[in-house]
N, C-alpha and C. Protein backbone atom coordinates (compact mmCIF):
# COMPACT_ATOMS: atom_id res chain seq x y z
N MET A 1 -9.53 -21.00 -7.73
CA MET A 1 -9.29 -19.58 -7.89
C MET A 1 -9.98 -18.81 -6.76
N ILE A 2 -11.21 -19.15 -6.43
CA ILE A 2 -11.92 -18.46 -5.36
C ILE A 2 -11.25 -18.75 -4.03
N LYS A 3 -10.79 -19.97 -3.86
CA LYS A 3 -10.09 -20.33 -2.63
C LYS A 3 -8.83 -19.48 -2.46
N ASN A 4 -8.08 -19.26 -3.56
CA ASN A 4 -6.88 -18.42 -3.50
C ASN A 4 -7.24 -16.98 -3.16
N PHE A 5 -8.33 -16.48 -3.74
CA PHE A 5 -8.76 -15.11 -3.46
C PHE A 5 -9.11 -14.96 -1.99
N ILE A 6 -9.87 -15.88 -1.45
CA ILE A 6 -10.27 -15.81 -0.05
C ILE A 6 -9.04 -15.88 0.86
N TYR A 7 -8.09 -16.74 0.50
CA TYR A 7 -6.86 -16.85 1.28
C TYR A 7 -6.09 -15.52 1.25
N THR A 8 -6.00 -14.90 0.08
CA THR A 8 -5.29 -13.63 -0.06
C THR A 8 -5.95 -12.54 0.78
N VAL A 9 -7.26 -12.43 0.71
CA VAL A 9 -7.98 -11.42 1.48
C VAL A 9 -7.80 -11.66 2.97
N ALA A 10 -7.92 -12.90 3.39
CA ALA A 10 -7.76 -13.22 4.81
C ALA A 10 -6.35 -12.88 5.29
N THR A 11 -5.35 -13.17 4.49
CA THR A 11 -3.97 -12.86 4.85
C THR A 11 -3.77 -11.36 4.99
N MET A 12 -4.34 -10.59 4.05
CA MET A 12 -4.21 -9.13 4.12
C MET A 12 -4.89 -8.58 5.36
N ILE A 13 -6.06 -9.09 5.69
CA ILE A 13 -6.77 -8.61 6.87
C ILE A 13 -5.95 -8.90 8.13
N LEU A 14 -5.37 -10.09 8.20
CA LEU A 14 -4.53 -10.43 9.35
C LEU A 14 -3.30 -9.53 9.43
N ALA A 15 -2.68 -9.26 8.29
CA ALA A 15 -1.49 -8.40 8.28
C ALA A 15 -1.83 -6.99 8.73
N ILE A 16 -2.92 -6.45 8.23
CA ILE A 16 -3.31 -5.09 8.60
C ILE A 16 -3.71 -5.04 10.07
N SER A 17 -4.40 -6.07 10.54
CA SER A 17 -4.77 -6.12 11.96
C SER A 17 -3.54 -6.17 12.85
N ALA A 18 -2.54 -6.93 12.42
CA ALA A 18 -1.31 -7.03 13.21
C ALA A 18 -0.57 -5.70 13.25
N LEU A 19 -0.63 -4.93 12.16
CA LEU A 19 0.07 -3.65 12.12
C LEU A 19 -0.68 -2.57 12.89
N SER A 20 -1.99 -2.66 12.96
CA SER A 20 -2.80 -1.60 13.57
C SER A 20 -2.40 -1.35 15.00
N GLY A 21 -2.23 -0.09 15.32
CA GLY A 21 -1.95 0.32 16.68
C GLY A 21 -0.48 0.33 17.07
N LEU A 22 0.39 -0.23 16.27
CA LEU A 22 1.79 -0.31 16.66
C LEU A 22 2.53 1.02 16.53
N ALA A 23 2.07 1.93 15.70
CA ALA A 23 2.82 3.15 15.43
C ALA A 23 2.41 4.33 16.30
N HIS A 24 1.37 4.21 17.10
CA HIS A 24 0.87 5.35 17.86
C HIS A 24 1.85 5.94 18.86
N ALA A 25 2.68 5.14 19.45
CA ALA A 25 3.55 5.63 20.51
C ALA A 25 4.73 6.44 20.00
N GLU A 26 4.95 6.42 18.71
CA GLU A 26 6.13 7.08 18.17
C GLU A 26 5.79 8.47 17.65
N GLY A 27 6.81 9.35 17.56
CA GLY A 27 6.61 10.68 17.02
C GLY A 27 6.40 10.62 15.52
N VAL A 28 5.94 11.73 14.95
CA VAL A 28 5.66 11.79 13.52
C VAL A 28 6.91 11.45 12.71
N GLU A 29 8.05 11.99 13.12
CA GLU A 29 9.27 11.75 12.35
C GLU A 29 9.75 10.31 12.49
N ASP A 30 9.27 9.60 13.50
CA ASP A 30 9.69 8.22 13.74
C ASP A 30 8.67 7.19 13.27
N ARG A 31 7.62 7.66 12.59
CA ARG A 31 6.57 6.72 12.16
C ARG A 31 7.15 5.65 11.26
N LYS A 32 6.69 4.45 11.44
CA LYS A 32 7.11 3.35 10.59
C LYS A 32 6.48 3.52 9.22
N ALA A 33 7.27 3.27 8.19
CA ALA A 33 6.79 3.43 6.82
C ALA A 33 6.42 2.08 6.22
N VAL A 34 5.31 2.08 5.48
CA VAL A 34 4.80 0.88 4.84
C VAL A 34 4.52 1.20 3.38
N LEU A 35 4.87 0.30 2.49
CA LEU A 35 4.53 0.42 1.07
C LEU A 35 3.36 -0.50 0.78
N ILE A 36 2.33 0.06 0.15
CA ILE A 36 1.18 -0.74 -0.27
C ILE A 36 1.06 -0.62 -1.78
N THR A 37 1.17 -1.74 -2.47
CA THR A 37 0.97 -1.73 -3.92
C THR A 37 -0.52 -1.84 -4.20
N GLY A 38 -0.95 -1.28 -5.32
CA GLY A 38 -2.37 -1.36 -5.67
C GLY A 38 -3.24 -0.62 -4.67
N ALA A 39 -2.83 0.58 -4.28
CA ALA A 39 -3.53 1.32 -3.22
C ALA A 39 -4.55 2.32 -3.74
N SER A 40 -4.87 2.29 -5.02
CA SER A 40 -5.78 3.29 -5.56
C SER A 40 -7.25 3.00 -5.27
N SER A 41 -7.59 1.75 -4.99
CA SER A 41 -8.99 1.42 -4.72
C SER A 41 -9.08 0.11 -3.93
N GLY A 42 -10.27 -0.22 -3.52
CA GLY A 42 -10.54 -1.50 -2.88
C GLY A 42 -9.77 -1.73 -1.60
N ILE A 43 -9.30 -2.97 -1.46
CA ILE A 43 -8.60 -3.37 -0.24
C ILE A 43 -7.32 -2.56 -0.05
N GLY A 44 -6.59 -2.29 -1.14
CA GLY A 44 -5.36 -1.51 -1.02
C GLY A 44 -5.60 -0.11 -0.51
N ARG A 45 -6.64 0.53 -1.02
CA ARG A 45 -6.98 1.89 -0.58
C ARG A 45 -7.41 1.88 0.88
N ALA A 46 -8.25 0.91 1.24
CA ALA A 46 -8.71 0.81 2.63
C ALA A 46 -7.54 0.55 3.57
N ALA A 47 -6.61 -0.30 3.14
CA ALA A 47 -5.43 -0.58 3.97
C ALA A 47 -4.57 0.67 4.14
N ALA A 48 -4.40 1.43 3.05
CA ALA A 48 -3.60 2.65 3.12
C ALA A 48 -4.23 3.65 4.09
N GLU A 49 -5.53 3.85 3.96
CA GLU A 49 -6.21 4.80 4.84
C GLU A 49 -6.18 4.34 6.30
N LYS A 50 -6.38 3.05 6.53
CA LYS A 50 -6.38 2.51 7.89
C LYS A 50 -5.00 2.66 8.54
N LEU A 51 -3.95 2.27 7.82
CA LEU A 51 -2.62 2.35 8.40
C LEU A 51 -2.18 3.79 8.61
N ALA A 52 -2.53 4.69 7.70
CA ALA A 52 -2.21 6.11 7.90
C ALA A 52 -2.93 6.65 9.13
N ALA A 53 -4.19 6.26 9.30
CA ALA A 53 -4.97 6.70 10.46
C ALA A 53 -4.39 6.13 11.76
N GLU A 54 -3.75 4.97 11.68
CA GLU A 54 -3.15 4.33 12.85
C GLU A 54 -1.76 4.87 13.16
N GLY A 55 -1.26 5.81 12.33
CA GLY A 55 0.01 6.45 12.63
C GLY A 55 1.18 6.03 11.77
N TYR A 56 0.95 5.17 10.81
CA TYR A 56 2.02 4.78 9.89
C TYR A 56 2.17 5.82 8.79
N PHE A 57 3.36 5.90 8.22
CA PHE A 57 3.55 6.67 7.01
C PHE A 57 3.42 5.68 5.86
N VAL A 58 2.51 5.96 4.95
CA VAL A 58 2.19 5.00 3.89
C VAL A 58 2.64 5.51 2.53
N TYR A 59 3.46 4.71 1.87
CA TYR A 59 3.75 4.92 0.45
C TYR A 59 2.70 4.11 -0.29
N ALA A 60 1.83 4.81 -1.01
CA ALA A 60 0.69 4.17 -1.66
C ALA A 60 0.93 4.07 -3.16
N GLY A 61 1.13 2.86 -3.65
CA GLY A 61 1.39 2.63 -5.06
C GLY A 61 0.12 2.74 -5.90
N ALA A 62 0.19 3.53 -6.97
CA ALA A 62 -0.94 3.70 -7.88
C ALA A 62 -0.40 3.96 -9.29
N ARG A 63 -1.24 3.71 -10.29
CA ARG A 63 -0.79 3.88 -11.67
C ARG A 63 -1.31 5.16 -12.32
N LYS A 64 -2.52 5.59 -11.98
CA LYS A 64 -3.15 6.72 -12.67
C LYS A 64 -2.90 8.04 -11.93
N ALA A 65 -2.71 9.10 -12.72
CA ALA A 65 -2.44 10.42 -12.15
C ALA A 65 -3.56 10.88 -11.22
N ALA A 66 -4.81 10.63 -11.60
CA ALA A 66 -5.94 11.05 -10.76
C ALA A 66 -5.92 10.33 -9.42
N ASP A 67 -5.58 9.04 -9.42
CA ASP A 67 -5.50 8.28 -8.17
C ASP A 67 -4.35 8.79 -7.30
N ILE A 68 -3.24 9.12 -7.93
CA ILE A 68 -2.08 9.65 -7.21
C ILE A 68 -2.44 10.97 -6.54
N ASP A 69 -3.13 11.84 -7.26
CA ASP A 69 -3.55 13.12 -6.69
C ASP A 69 -4.48 12.92 -5.50
N GLU A 70 -5.44 12.00 -5.62
CA GLU A 70 -6.37 11.72 -4.51
C GLU A 70 -5.64 11.18 -3.29
N LEU A 71 -4.74 10.25 -3.50
CA LEU A 71 -4.00 9.66 -2.39
C LEU A 71 -3.12 10.70 -1.69
N ASN A 72 -2.54 11.61 -2.44
CA ASN A 72 -1.68 12.64 -1.85
C ASN A 72 -2.45 13.62 -0.97
N GLU A 73 -3.76 13.66 -1.09
CA GLU A 73 -4.58 14.54 -0.26
C GLU A 73 -4.82 13.97 1.15
N ILE A 74 -4.47 12.73 1.37
CA ILE A 74 -4.72 12.06 2.64
C ILE A 74 -3.48 12.21 3.54
N ASP A 75 -3.70 12.70 4.77
CA ASP A 75 -2.60 12.85 5.72
C ASP A 75 -1.93 11.51 5.98
N GLY A 76 -0.61 11.51 5.96
CA GLY A 76 0.15 10.31 6.26
C GLY A 76 0.38 9.40 5.06
N ILE A 77 -0.07 9.84 3.88
CA ILE A 77 0.10 9.03 2.68
C ILE A 77 0.87 9.82 1.64
N MET A 78 1.86 9.17 1.04
CA MET A 78 2.56 9.71 -0.12
C MET A 78 2.34 8.73 -1.26
N ALA A 79 1.67 9.20 -2.29
CA ALA A 79 1.43 8.34 -3.44
C ALA A 79 2.71 8.16 -4.23
N VAL A 80 2.88 6.96 -4.77
CA VAL A 80 4.04 6.61 -5.56
C VAL A 80 3.53 6.02 -6.87
N ARG A 81 3.99 6.57 -8.00
CA ARG A 81 3.60 5.98 -9.28
C ARG A 81 4.24 4.60 -9.35
N LEU A 82 3.40 3.58 -9.40
CA LEU A 82 3.93 2.23 -9.33
C LEU A 82 3.03 1.24 -10.05
N ASP A 83 3.49 0.83 -11.21
CA ASP A 83 2.90 -0.29 -11.93
C ASP A 83 3.87 -1.45 -11.71
N VAL A 84 3.43 -2.46 -10.99
CA VAL A 84 4.35 -3.54 -10.61
C VAL A 84 4.77 -4.41 -11.79
N THR A 85 4.23 -4.14 -12.97
CA THR A 85 4.67 -4.87 -14.16
C THR A 85 5.70 -4.07 -14.97
N ALA A 86 6.05 -2.88 -14.50
CA ALA A 86 7.00 -2.01 -15.21
C ALA A 86 8.26 -1.84 -14.36
N GLN A 87 9.36 -2.46 -14.77
CA GLN A 87 10.59 -2.43 -13.99
C GLN A 87 11.07 -1.00 -13.71
N GLU A 88 10.94 -0.11 -14.69
CA GLU A 88 11.38 1.27 -14.50
C GLU A 88 10.61 1.94 -13.36
N GLU A 89 9.31 1.70 -13.28
CA GLU A 89 8.52 2.30 -12.19
C GLU A 89 8.87 1.67 -10.85
N ILE A 90 9.18 0.40 -10.85
CA ILE A 90 9.62 -0.25 -9.61
C ILE A 90 10.93 0.37 -9.13
N ASP A 91 11.86 0.53 -10.05
CA ASP A 91 13.15 1.15 -9.71
C ASP A 91 12.98 2.57 -9.22
N ASP A 92 12.10 3.34 -9.87
CA ASP A 92 11.85 4.72 -9.46
C ASP A 92 11.21 4.77 -8.07
N ALA A 93 10.30 3.84 -7.78
CA ALA A 93 9.66 3.80 -6.46
C ALA A 93 10.69 3.48 -5.38
N VAL A 94 11.56 2.53 -5.66
CA VAL A 94 12.62 2.19 -4.70
C VAL A 94 13.51 3.40 -4.45
N ALA A 95 13.91 4.09 -5.52
CA ALA A 95 14.77 5.27 -5.37
C ALA A 95 14.07 6.36 -4.54
N LEU A 96 12.79 6.58 -4.80
CA LEU A 96 12.04 7.59 -4.05
C LEU A 96 11.99 7.24 -2.57
N ILE A 97 11.66 6.01 -2.28
CA ILE A 97 11.55 5.58 -0.88
C ILE A 97 12.91 5.68 -0.19
N GLU A 98 13.96 5.27 -0.86
CA GLU A 98 15.30 5.39 -0.27
C GLU A 98 15.67 6.84 -0.03
N SER A 99 15.29 7.74 -0.94
CA SER A 99 15.65 9.15 -0.81
C SER A 99 14.93 9.82 0.36
N GLN A 100 13.82 9.27 0.80
CA GLN A 100 13.06 9.85 1.91
C GLN A 100 13.71 9.60 3.26
N GLY A 101 14.56 8.57 3.35
CA GLY A 101 15.32 8.32 4.57
C GLY A 101 14.55 7.67 5.70
N ARG A 102 13.33 7.23 5.46
CA ARG A 102 12.54 6.59 6.52
C ARG A 102 12.81 5.10 6.62
N GLY A 103 13.30 4.51 5.54
CA GLY A 103 13.38 3.06 5.49
C GLY A 103 12.00 2.50 5.21
N LEU A 104 11.88 1.23 5.30
CA LEU A 104 10.60 0.58 5.03
C LEU A 104 10.40 -0.51 6.06
N TRP A 105 9.34 -0.39 6.83
CA TRP A 105 9.06 -1.33 7.90
C TRP A 105 8.24 -2.51 7.41
N GLY A 106 7.41 -2.27 6.40
CA GLY A 106 6.56 -3.35 5.91
C GLY A 106 6.09 -3.10 4.49
N ILE A 107 5.65 -4.17 3.85
CA ILE A 107 5.11 -4.10 2.50
C ILE A 107 3.82 -4.90 2.46
N VAL A 108 2.79 -4.32 1.84
CA VAL A 108 1.55 -5.03 1.56
C VAL A 108 1.46 -5.16 0.05
N ASN A 109 1.75 -6.34 -0.46
CA ASN A 109 1.69 -6.58 -1.90
C ASN A 109 0.26 -6.87 -2.31
N ASN A 110 -0.44 -5.82 -2.67
CA ASN A 110 -1.86 -5.91 -2.97
C ASN A 110 -2.16 -5.83 -4.46
N ALA A 111 -1.24 -5.28 -5.25
CA ALA A 111 -1.51 -5.07 -6.67
C ALA A 111 -1.82 -6.38 -7.36
N GLY A 112 -2.77 -6.32 -8.26
CA GLY A 112 -3.14 -7.52 -9.00
C GLY A 112 -4.13 -7.17 -10.09
N ILE A 113 -4.53 -8.18 -10.79
CA ILE A 113 -5.52 -8.00 -11.84
C ILE A 113 -6.70 -8.92 -11.56
N ASN A 114 -7.82 -8.55 -12.09
CA ASN A 114 -9.02 -9.34 -11.94
C ASN A 114 -9.37 -9.93 -13.30
N ILE A 115 -9.28 -11.23 -13.40
CA ILE A 115 -9.64 -11.90 -14.65
C ILE A 115 -10.97 -12.62 -14.41
N ILE A 116 -11.95 -12.19 -15.15
CA ILE A 116 -13.28 -12.80 -14.99
C ILE A 116 -13.48 -13.78 -16.15
N ASP A 117 -13.58 -15.04 -15.79
CA ASP A 117 -13.82 -16.10 -16.76
C ASP A 117 -15.06 -16.87 -16.33
N PRO A 118 -15.67 -17.53 -17.28
CA PRO A 118 -16.81 -18.38 -16.89
C PRO A 118 -16.34 -19.48 -15.95
N MET A 119 -17.14 -19.77 -14.97
CA MET A 119 -16.79 -20.83 -14.03
C MET A 119 -17.35 -22.15 -14.57
N ILE A 120 -16.47 -23.09 -14.76
CA ILE A 120 -16.90 -24.38 -15.33
C ILE A 120 -16.85 -25.44 -14.24
C-alpha cells in the first residue's frame, strides 16, 4: 500500500513538472485547460495552484461548498462540484467543461480516499 502511494505521488509530481511552463507563451483565451480531481486540499490543491500560476486554466474538482468558494477566488481556477463516486456530478462536470468551449488538454486524477488501517 505504501509502495502504491509513493508511486502515485511520484507520478503526479512528474506529470505536473512536465506541464509546468508549457502554457506561458499563449494568450489568456488560448490557455490550455486541465481538470484536477480532488483539488480542495493537499497535492490536488497544490497542483491546481501551481498549474494556474504557470498559465493553465484549471478546472478544480471539489465536493464541499466552502472548498469550491475558496478555489474560485484563485485566478485561473474554476471550481467544479465533483465527487468522482457520483455519476450525476461527473456528468454535470463534463457538461460544464464542454459548455466553456476550451476543451481539455489534460487531466490529473487525484481524487481518492485515505484508509488508515493497522499495519501488520
